[in-house]
Amino acid sequence: MKLFFIFSFIFFFTNIFAQDTQKCLNKSKEFFEQKEYSYAQKTLESCLKNDPKNVDVLVSLGGVCMKQNNYNEAIKYFKESLKNMAKTSPYVSYVYARIGDSYSHLQDFTRAANYYEASLNYEPANINSLVGKGICEEKKGNIQKAAEYFKKALAVDFTNLIARERLIALEPQVLSYEELISTMKERNILDPNAVTYQPQDLDLLTKMINAEKDNAITYLSSKYNNRIPPGLIIEKFPGKIYSRKILTYSGYKDLMFLLSKEAIDFFIKNKVYKSEILKLRDLNGNNIFTDKGLLTEEGLVAYTQSLSGKKAYLLPSEPIPSAAKKAEMKVQELLKQGYMEITILEYAYIMEKSRCNEQTLIKTGVKIIQGAPNRNRFLIIDQIKKPSKFDCPADTQVCYYNMVMEKRKQKKDRDNTPVYTSTFGTGAKASPHICKENGTLESLGI
């Protein structure tokens, strides 16, 4: 009989505590909904004093701390909640994900990735953790792994905008061969019957995608009073929340024409004579316009910088700045040693084809000379002047040289060729990926 009264006594006070905790939680929720986050936190902390192992209170405290950007505090409460939470609880995955989010906000992507992984072990379809793990892999430079997680997230929820936007941001690197062919056909870069593409097609696609990332569609829309002429863009998934507008080849040409015309007007307003426009150079001495009056890659950068108030161009009579002069001296010295200078686009092509990061390229012989502020010049060994005894991939310099020659051979003036391009059969073989996915060269221990 005594035992019965003892259990009744314990149950009575446990029930009282539970009721008090629930009232406390309800009050903190009211503060939270009113965006009085500090009051919500103080209320929850008072709850915790009466019921220190209550999972609802601990998880709520973690969430309120996150809302106030107190991520270390949030991590403390979330971890404490896990100690008191049954492993079979449906909230285990959620809490691991929130810890991952907190570490991600603290820029600790290694720890964040570990907690997202733990979350996925409990719930493989956790959208938050799939997207979060993808962002962590992206931050660590593992682009293909990042894409895998974003695609998994979309497989769970096709409308997830964050996963979709992150995938788009990683284009064209994460597109499969079939996806590249498909989008090139959509954009009118390739003939509808094409089964392969050439390097210059990928180069054009990359420029078009980069232009879209730089708000090219918005720019065109403003130029045409929100009525872009037919054929310049395509809208994918119209009417959907995840609809997307992309440039066609005609749209990209129109974009470059408008930008170039705008740039010419800008320079004329800045008292550059019309006769000098096509002779303008950037601070490293590179031409800003082609002989047809279109902006070059370097010219687009110089024009953009000039718009922000910096004088990033040189008149024909103006000398190259001292920093560029010093760079020129270093370049000339390297040229005498058997190097050849390559363009920034050729350097980007080497990086893309080899899959090596910049640190690896420098360690394996690529020379990067800083010229004018924020402008670099790139050099590699000229195999004609200084031939190697080895072939690619045994000698990375041979690989780099071959890649540049491949790009130069494929480079064509698109204004003099049809819109569609295709080749018979499989076409040229792709250059070898001499680096691992993380950009390092395993054979050299780099």
Protein backbone atom coordinates (compact mmCIF):
# COMPACT_ATOMS: atom_id res chain seq x y z
CA MET A 1 0.00 0.00 0.00
CA LYS A 2 2.87 2.35 0.84
CA LEU A 3 4.43 1.59 -2.53
CA PHE A 4 1.22 2.60 -4.28
CA PHE A 5 1.20 5.98 -2.50
CA ILE A 6 4.86 6.58 -3.39
CA PHE A 7 4.20 5.97 -7.10
CA SER A 8 1.08 8.14 -6.94
CA PHE A 9 3.10 10.93 -5.33
CA ILE A 10 5.79 10.73 -8.04
CA PHE A 11 3.20 10.65 -10.83
CA PHE A 12 1.39 13.66 -9.36
CA PHE A 13 4.46 15.88 -9.24
CA THR A 14 5.74 14.64 -12.61
CA ASN A 15 2.41 15.61 -14.12
CA ILE A 16 2.60 19.05 -12.46
CA PHE A 17 6.10 19.59 -13.92
CA ALA A 18 4.87 18.48 -17.36
CA GLN A 19 2.00 20.96 -17.22
CA ASP A 20 4.33 23.77 -16.11
CA THR A 21 6.80 22.93 -18.90
CA GLN A 22 4.05 22.96 -21.50
CA LYS A 23 2.81 26.36 -20.27
CA CYS A 24 6.38 27.59 -20.39
CA LEU A 25 6.80 26.29 -23.95
CA ASN A 26 3.53 27.92 -25.01
CA LYS A 27 4.63 31.25 -23.57
CA SER A 28 8.01 31.12 -25.32
CA LYS A 29 6.24 30.28 -28.56
CA GLU A 30 4.12 33.43 -28.20
CA PHE A 31 7.29 35.52 -27.81
CA PHE A 32 8.85 33.74 -30.79
CA GLU A 33 5.88 34.44 -33.06
CA GLN A 34 6.07 38.10 -32.01
CA LYS A 35 9.78 38.04 -32.96
CA GLU A 36 10.76 38.74 -29.36
CA TYR A 37 13.53 36.16 -29.58
CA SER A 38 15.48 37.22 -26.49
CA TYR A 39 12.32 36.91 -24.33
CA ALA A 40 11.57 33.54 -25.92
CA GLN A 41 15.07 32.39 -24.97
CA LYS A 42 14.79 33.62 -21.36
CA THR A 43 11.43 31.88 -21.02
CA LEU A 44 12.86 28.62 -22.33
CA GLU A 45 15.85 28.89 -20.01
CA SER A 46 13.46 29.16 -17.06
CA CYS A 47 11.66 26.06 -18.40
CA LEU A 48 14.99 24.24 -18.48
CA LYS A 49 15.67 24.93 -14.79
CA ASN A 50 12.51 23.04 -13.84
CA ASP A 51 12.90 20.32 -16.46
CA PRO A 52 16.60 20.14 -17.52
CA LYS A 53 16.24 17.06 -19.72
CA ASN A 54 13.15 18.06 -21.63
CA VAL A 55 13.87 17.47 -25.30
CA ASP A 56 11.25 19.94 -26.55
CA VAL A 57 12.77 22.73 -24.47
CA LEU A 58 16.34 21.92 -25.54
CA VAL A 59 15.48 21.73 -29.25
CA SER A 60 13.44 24.94 -29.00
CA LEU A 61 16.35 26.70 -27.29
CA GLY A 62 18.64 25.60 -30.09
CA GLY A 63 16.27 27.00 -32.67
CA VAL A 64 15.83 30.33 -30.86
CA CYS A 65 19.62 30.69 -30.52
CA MET A 66 20.03 30.07 -34.24
CA LYS A 67 17.46 32.76 -34.94
CA GLN A 68 19.69 35.19 -33.02
CA ASN A 69 22.86 33.97 -34.80
CA ASN A 70 24.17 32.43 -31.57
CA TYR A 71 25.33 29.28 -33.34
CA ASN A 72 27.70 27.95 -30.67
CA GLU A 73 24.91 28.18 -28.09
CA ALA A 74 22.53 26.50 -30.53
CA ILE A 75 24.97 23.62 -31.05
CA LYS A 76 25.26 23.17 -27.26
CA TYR A 77 21.49 22.84 -26.80
CA PHE A 78 20.98 20.62 -29.85
CA LYS A 79 23.72 18.24 -28.70
CA GLU A 80 22.24 18.14 -25.21
CA SER A 81 18.85 17.27 -26.69
CA LEU A 82 20.38 14.31 -28.53
CA LYS A 83 21.66 12.90 -25.22
CA ASN A 84 18.08 12.79 -23.92
CA MET A 85 16.34 11.78 -27.13
CA ALA A 86 15.43 8.21 -28.00
CA LYS A 87 17.38 6.98 -31.03
CA THR A 88 14.08 5.93 -32.55
CA SER A 89 12.69 9.46 -32.33
CA PRO A 90 11.67 10.96 -35.68
CA TYR A 91 13.42 14.19 -34.62
CA VAL A 92 16.95 12.74 -34.45
CA SER A 93 17.59 13.45 -38.13
CA TYR A 94 16.17 16.96 -37.74
CA VAL A 95 18.47 17.81 -34.81
CA TYR A 96 21.57 16.49 -36.58
CA ALA A 97 20.60 18.64 -39.57
CA ARG A 98 20.24 21.75 -37.38
CA ILE A 99 23.68 21.16 -35.90
CA GLY A 100 24.98 20.89 -39.45
CA ASP A 101 23.29 24.20 -40.29
CA SER A 102 24.90 25.85 -37.26
CA TYR A 103 28.40 24.66 -38.18
CA SER A 104 27.77 25.74 -41.75
CA HIS A 105 26.95 29.28 -40.53
CA LEU A 106 30.24 29.18 -38.60
CA GLN A 107 32.03 28.29 -41.87
CA ASP A 108 33.12 24.94 -40.40
CA PHE A 109 32.08 22.90 -43.41
CA THR A 110 33.93 19.74 -42.37
CA ARG A 111 31.96 19.41 -39.12
CA ALA A 112 28.78 20.54 -40.85
CA ALA A 113 29.18 17.79 -43.46
CA ASN A 114 29.63 15.17 -40.73
CA TYR A 115 26.38 16.15 -39.02
CA TYR A 116 24.47 16.28 -42.29
CA GLU A 117 25.77 12.78 -42.99
CA ALA A 118 24.60 11.63 -39.55
CA SER A 119 21.19 13.13 -40.29
CA LEU A 120 20.99 11.24 -43.58
CA ASN A 121 21.85 7.98 -41.84
CA TYR A 122 18.57 8.35 -39.92
CA GLU A 123 16.55 9.86 -42.75
CA PRO A 124 18.08 9.46 -46.26
CA ALA A 125 15.44 11.75 -47.79
CA ASN A 126 16.04 14.69 -45.43
CA ILE A 127 15.96 17.62 -47.89
CA ASN A 128 17.76 20.03 -45.57
CA SER A 129 20.65 17.62 -45.05
CA LEU A 130 20.92 16.70 -48.73
CA VAL A 131 21.15 20.37 -49.73
CA GLY A 132 23.42 21.18 -46.78
CA LYS A 133 25.81 18.33 -47.58
CA GLY A 134 25.86 19.46 -51.20
CA ILE A 135 26.81 23.01 -50.18
CA CYS A 136 29.58 21.65 -47.93
CA GLU A 137 31.01 19.59 -50.79
CA GLU A 138 30.81 22.63 -53.05
CA LYS A 139 32.68 24.75 -50.49
CA LYS A 140 35.38 22.08 -50.27
CA GLY A 141 35.76 22.11 -54.05
CA ASN A 142 34.15 18.70 -54.65
CA ILE A 143 31.87 19.94 -57.42
CA GLN A 144 30.70 16.58 -58.74
CA LYS A 145 29.86 15.29 -55.26
CA ALA A 146 27.99 18.49 -54.55
CA ALA A 147 25.94 17.98 -57.71
CA GLU A 148 25.07 14.43 -56.63
CA TYR A 149 23.54 15.67 -53.38
CA PHE A 150 21.63 18.49 -55.09
CA LYS A 151 20.23 15.98 -57.59
CA LYS A 152 19.20 13.66 -54.75
CA ALA A 153 17.40 16.58 -53.12
CA LEU A 154 15.52 17.28 -56.36
CA ALA A 155 14.62 13.61 -56.63
CA VAL A 156 12.88 13.97 -53.25
CA ASP A 157 11.36 17.39 -54.02
CA PHE A 158 11.50 18.53 -57.64
CA THR A 159 10.45 22.05 -56.65
CA ASN A 160 13.29 22.66 -54.17
CA LEU A 161 14.62 26.03 -55.35
CA ILE A 162 17.87 26.01 -53.37
CA ALA A 163 19.03 22.69 -54.82
CA ARG A 164 17.97 23.79 -58.30
CA GLU A 165 19.74 27.15 -58.02
CA ARG A 166 22.93 25.54 -56.69
CA LEU A 167 22.97 23.09 -59.60
CA ILE A 168 22.50 25.93 -62.08
CA ALA A 169 25.33 27.84 -60.38
CA LEU A 170 27.65 24.85 -61.02
CA GLU A 171 26.90 24.66 -64.73
CA PRO A 172 28.37 23.72 -67.12
CA GLN A 173 30.92 21.70 -65.09
CA VAL A 174 28.32 19.38 -63.56
CA LEU A 175 26.36 18.68 -66.74
CA SER A 176 26.74 15.17 -68.16
CA TYR A 177 27.74 14.68 -71.79
CA GLU A 178 24.11 14.02 -72.70
CA GLU A 179 22.96 17.11 -70.78
CA LEU A 180 25.56 19.25 -72.55
CA ILE A 181 24.36 18.02 -75.94
CA SER A 182 20.75 18.64 -74.94
CA THR A 183 21.24 22.21 -73.71
CA MET A 184 23.42 23.07 -76.72
CA LYS A 185 20.57 21.98 -78.99
CA GLU A 186 18.06 23.96 -76.92
CA ARG A 187 20.19 27.06 -77.26
CA ASN A 188 20.69 26.60 -81.02
CA ILE A 189 24.43 26.02 -80.64
CA LEU A 190 24.17 22.53 -82.15
CA ASP A 191 22.11 21.10 -84.97
CA PRO A 192 19.12 19.09 -83.65
CA ASN A 193 20.61 15.93 -85.18
CA ALA A 194 24.10 16.39 -83.71
CA VAL A 195 25.48 13.54 -81.59
CA THR A 196 28.66 15.26 -80.39
CA TYR A 197 30.08 18.73 -79.83
CA GLN A 198 33.40 20.47 -80.35
CA PRO A 199 35.50 22.46 -77.83
CA GLN A 200 34.41 25.78 -79.33
CA ASP A 201 30.77 24.77 -78.70
CA LEU A 202 31.52 24.19 -75.01
CA ASP A 203 33.43 27.48 -74.92
CA LEU A 204 30.39 29.30 -76.30
CA LEU A 205 28.01 27.53 -73.91
CA THR A 206 30.23 28.48 -70.96
CA LYS A 207 30.16 32.14 -72.01
CA MET A 208 26.38 32.06 -72.37
CA ILE A 209 25.86 30.45 -68.95
CA ASN A 210 28.27 32.90 -67.31
CA ALA A 211 26.39 35.76 -68.98
CA GLU A 212 23.13 34.45 -67.49
CA LYS A 213 24.76 34.33 -64.05
CA ASP A 214 25.68 37.99 -64.57
CA ASN A 215 22.00 38.89 -65.13
CA ALA A 216 22.09 38.88 -68.95
CA ILE A 217 18.36 38.09 -69.15
CA THR A 218 17.51 41.04 -66.89
CA TYR A 219 19.77 43.27 -68.99
CA LEU A 220 18.07 42.24 -72.25
CA SER A 221 14.65 42.67 -70.67
CA SER A 222 15.49 46.25 -69.64
CA LYS A 223 16.74 47.04 -73.14
CA TYR A 224 13.52 45.80 -74.73
CA ASN A 225 11.09 47.24 -72.13
CA ASN A 226 10.34 43.79 -70.72
CA ARG A 227 9.42 42.45 -74.17
CA ILE A 228 12.42 40.47 -75.38
CA PRO A 229 11.98 39.61 -79.09
CA PRO A 230 11.19 35.95 -79.92
CA GLY A 231 14.18 33.70 -80.45
CA LEU A 232 16.56 35.45 -78.06
CA ILE A 233 15.64 33.45 -74.98
CA ILE A 234 13.85 30.22 -74.10
CA GLU A 235 11.76 29.72 -70.96
CA LYS A 236 12.06 26.27 -69.43
CA PHE A 237 9.19 24.99 -67.27
CA PRO A 238 6.98 28.05 -67.96
CA GLY A 239 4.40 28.78 -65.28
CA LYS A 240 6.24 26.72 -62.68
CA ILE A 241 7.82 28.11 -59.54
CA TYR A 242 11.15 26.78 -60.83
CA SER A 243 10.80 28.24 -64.34
CA ARG A 244 14.09 29.35 -65.90
CA LYS A 245 14.97 31.61 -68.80
CA ILE A 246 18.07 30.82 -70.84
CA LEU A 247 19.86 32.52 -73.71
CA THR A 248 19.87 31.19 -77.24
CA TYR A 249 22.88 31.70 -79.50
CA SER A 250 21.00 34.58 -81.17
CA GLY A 251 20.27 36.06 -77.75
CA TYR A 252 23.94 35.89 -76.77
CA LYS A 253 25.01 37.60 -80.00
CA ASP A 254 22.40 40.30 -79.41
CA LEU A 255 23.62 40.69 -75.82
CA MET A 256 27.25 41.15 -76.89
CA PHE A 257 26.22 43.59 -79.63
CA LEU A 258 24.23 45.71 -77.16
CA LEU A 259 26.97 45.59 -74.53
CA SER A 260 29.62 46.52 -77.09
CA LYS A 261 27.53 49.42 -78.41
CA GLU A 262 26.97 50.58 -74.85
CA ALA A 263 30.70 50.33 -74.12
CA ILE A 264 31.57 52.36 -77.23
CA ASP A 265 29.09 55.07 -76.19
CA PHE A 266 30.59 55.04 -72.70
CA PHE A 267 34.13 55.59 -73.96
CA ILE A 268 33.02 58.33 -76.35
CA LYS A 269 31.29 60.12 -73.45
CA ASN A 270 34.57 59.85 -71.59
CA LYS A 271 36.25 61.84 -74.37
CA VAL A 272 37.80 58.96 -76.31
CA TYR A 273 37.94 59.77 -80.02
CA LYS A 274 35.98 57.43 -82.29
CA SER A 275 39.18 56.75 -84.25
CA GLU A 276 40.82 55.45 -81.03
CA ILE A 277 37.99 53.19 -79.81
CA LEU A 278 39.24 50.00 -81.47
CA LYS A 279 42.78 50.76 -80.30
CA LEU A 280 41.90 50.87 -76.60
CA ARG A 281 43.75 48.44 -74.35
CA ASP A 282 43.28 47.22 -70.81
CA LEU A 283 45.94 47.89 -68.15
CA ASN A 284 47.91 44.86 -69.30
CA GLY A 285 47.94 46.00 -72.91
CA ASN A 286 45.23 43.61 -74.19
CA ASN A 287 42.76 44.83 -76.81
CA ILE A 288 39.37 45.85 -75.44
CA PHE A 289 37.55 45.47 -78.78
CA THR A 290 37.89 43.12 -81.72
CA ASP A 291 38.44 44.63 -85.15
CA LYS A 292 34.65 44.23 -85.64
CA GLY A 293 33.87 46.45 -82.66
CA LEU A 294 32.81 43.69 -80.24
CA LEU A 295 34.08 43.53 -76.67
CA THR A 296 36.79 40.94 -75.99
CA GLU A 297 36.82 38.92 -72.77
CA GLU A 298 39.44 41.30 -71.37
CA GLY A 299 37.46 44.24 -72.73
CA LEU A 300 34.30 43.19 -70.91
CA VAL A 301 36.25 43.16 -67.64
CA ALA A 302 37.84 46.55 -68.36
CA TYR A 303 34.48 48.07 -69.32
CA THR A 304 32.79 46.72 -66.18
CA GLN A 305 35.57 48.09 -63.99
CA SER A 306 35.37 51.45 -65.77
CA LEU A 307 31.63 51.64 -65.08
CA SER A 308 32.37 51.47 -61.35
CA GLY A 309 34.54 54.57 -61.59
CA LYS A 310 37.95 52.96 -62.15
CA LYS A 311 39.92 53.90 -65.22
CA ALA A 312 40.69 50.39 -66.42
CA TYR A 313 41.63 51.26 -70.01
CA LEU A 314 44.56 52.83 -71.85
CA LEU A 315 44.47 55.20 -74.80
CA PRO A 316 46.76 54.35 -77.73
CA SER A 317 49.20 57.03 -76.55
CA GLU A 318 49.23 55.94 -72.89
CA PRO A 319 52.00 53.67 -71.60
CA ILE A 320 51.33 50.45 -69.71
CA PRO A 321 51.42 51.04 -65.88
CA SER A 322 54.58 50.19 -63.93
CA ALA A 323 53.14 46.98 -62.47
CA ALA A 324 52.30 45.80 -65.95
CA LYS A 325 55.77 46.84 -67.12
CA LYS A 326 57.40 44.71 -64.43
CA ALA A 327 55.15 41.84 -65.42
CA GLU A 328 56.15 42.38 -69.05
CA MET A 329 59.84 42.11 -68.09
CA LYS A 330 59.18 38.80 -66.27
CA VAL A 331 57.17 37.53 -69.22
CA GLN A 332 59.94 38.42 -71.67
CA GLU A 333 62.46 36.63 -69.47
CA LEU A 334 60.32 33.49 -69.41
CA LEU A 335 59.78 33.67 -73.17
CA LYS A 336 63.58 33.53 -73.60
CA GLN A 337 63.62 30.43 -71.36
CA GLY A 338 61.28 28.56 -73.71
CA TYR A 339 57.86 29.53 -72.38
CA MET A 340 54.87 30.74 -74.37
CA GLU A 341 52.17 33.12 -73.18
CA ILE A 342 48.55 31.96 -73.22
CA THR A 343 45.28 33.85 -72.80
CA ILE A 344 43.07 33.75 -69.73
CA LEU A 345 40.55 31.68 -71.71
CA GLU A 346 43.26 29.18 -72.67
CA TYR A 347 44.32 28.99 -69.03
CA ALA A 348 40.69 28.34 -68.02
CA TYR A 349 40.54 25.65 -70.72
CA ILE A 350 43.62 23.93 -69.23
CA MET A 351 42.04 24.06 -65.77
CA GLU A 352 38.79 22.61 -67.09
CA LYS A 353 40.33 19.85 -69.18
CA SER A 354 43.05 18.80 -66.72
CA ARG A 355 40.74 19.16 -63.72
CA CYS A 356 43.72 20.59 -61.79
CA ASN A 357 43.31 23.47 -59.37
CA GLU A 358 45.48 26.58 -59.58
CA GLN A 359 47.87 25.46 -56.85
CA THR A 360 48.54 22.20 -58.70
CA LEU A 361 49.01 23.98 -62.03
CA ILE A 362 51.61 26.29 -60.48
CA LYS A 363 53.45 23.36 -58.88
CA THR A 364 53.54 21.53 -62.20
CA GLY A 365 55.08 24.38 -64.17
CA VAL A 366 52.41 26.88 -65.17
CA LYS A 367 53.68 30.41 -64.57
CA ILE A 368 51.25 33.07 -63.33
CA ILE A 369 52.61 36.61 -63.39
CA GLN A 370 50.67 39.40 -61.70
CA GLY A 371 50.41 42.41 -63.96
CA ALA A 372 48.14 45.35 -63.37
CA PRO A 373 45.96 45.17 -60.22
CA ASN A 374 43.82 42.01 -60.27
CA ARG A 375 45.12 41.06 -63.71
CA ASN A 376 47.37 38.05 -64.28
CA ARG A 377 49.35 36.73 -67.22
CA PHE A 378 49.83 33.01 -67.87
CA LEU A 379 52.69 31.07 -69.44
CA ILE A 380 53.47 27.41 -70.18
CA ILE A 381 56.43 25.58 -71.73
CA ASP A 382 56.50 25.88 -75.54
CA GLN A 383 57.08 22.31 -76.70
CA ILE A 384 58.46 23.51 -80.04
CA LYS A 385 61.17 25.59 -78.40
CA LYS A 386 61.74 23.19 -75.52
CA PRO A 387 60.49 19.69 -76.46
CA SER A 388 59.99 17.06 -73.77
CA LYS A 389 61.28 13.49 -73.83
CA PHE A 390 57.93 12.30 -72.47
CA ASP A 391 54.33 12.34 -73.57
CA CYS A 392 51.11 13.32 -71.82
CA PRO A 393 50.20 12.44 -69.08
CA ALA A 394 53.75 11.48 -68.01
CA ASP A 395 54.76 15.13 -68.54
CA THR A 396 52.08 17.57 -67.45
CA GLN A 397 53.67 20.39 -69.47
CA VAL A 398 53.09 18.36 -72.62
CA CYS A 399 49.45 17.99 -71.56
CA TYR A 400 49.06 21.72 -71.03
CA TYR A 401 50.67 22.54 -74.37
CA ASN A 402 48.45 20.02 -76.21
CA MET A 403 45.34 21.47 -74.57
CA VAL A 404 46.22 25.00 -75.67
CA MET A 405 46.96 23.81 -79.21
CA GLU A 406 43.64 21.96 -79.22
CA LYS A 407 41.78 25.10 -78.20
CA ARG A 408 43.59 27.27 -80.75
CA LYS A 409 42.95 24.75 -83.52
CA GLN A 410 39.25 24.65 -82.71
CA LYS A 411 38.88 28.40 -82.33
CA LYS A 412 36.80 29.84 -85.16
CA ASP A 413 35.25 33.15 -85.93
CA ARG A 414 31.57 32.40 -85.28
CA ASP A 415 30.46 35.37 -87.33
CA ASN A 416 31.71 33.53 -90.44
CA THR A 417 30.27 30.09 -89.66
CA PRO A 418 26.74 28.67 -89.57
CA VAL A 419 24.80 28.73 -86.32
CA TYR A 420 24.77 24.94 -86.19
CA THR A 421 27.96 22.94 -85.77
CA SER A 422 28.37 19.20 -85.75
CA THR A 423 30.90 16.60 -86.84
CA PHE A 424 30.68 13.20 -88.46
CA GLY A 425 31.23 10.29 -86.10
CA THR A 426 32.57 10.76 -82.58
CA GLY A 427 34.78 13.74 -83.34
CA ALA A 428 37.95 14.62 -81.46
CA LYS A 429 38.79 12.74 -78.27
CA ALA A 430 38.62 14.68 -75.06
CA SER A 431 41.83 15.75 -73.36
CA PRO A 432 42.84 13.58 -70.39
CA HIS A 433 41.83 14.51 -66.84
CA ILE A 434 45.29 14.39 -65.28
CA CYS A 435 44.11 15.47 -61.83
CA LYS A 436 41.69 13.95 -59.35
CA GLU A 437 38.27 15.51 -58.75
CA ASN A 438 39.65 17.62 -55.88
CA GLY A 439 42.18 19.23 -58.26
CA THR A 440 45.33 17.47 -56.98
CA LEU A 441 47.83 15.38 -58.91
CA GLU A 442 48.14 12.05 -57.15
CA SER A 443 51.23 10.87 -59.03
CA LEU A 444 53.28 13.83 -57.72
CA GLY A 445 51.83 13.73 -54.22
CA ILE A 446 50.44 17.25 -54.72
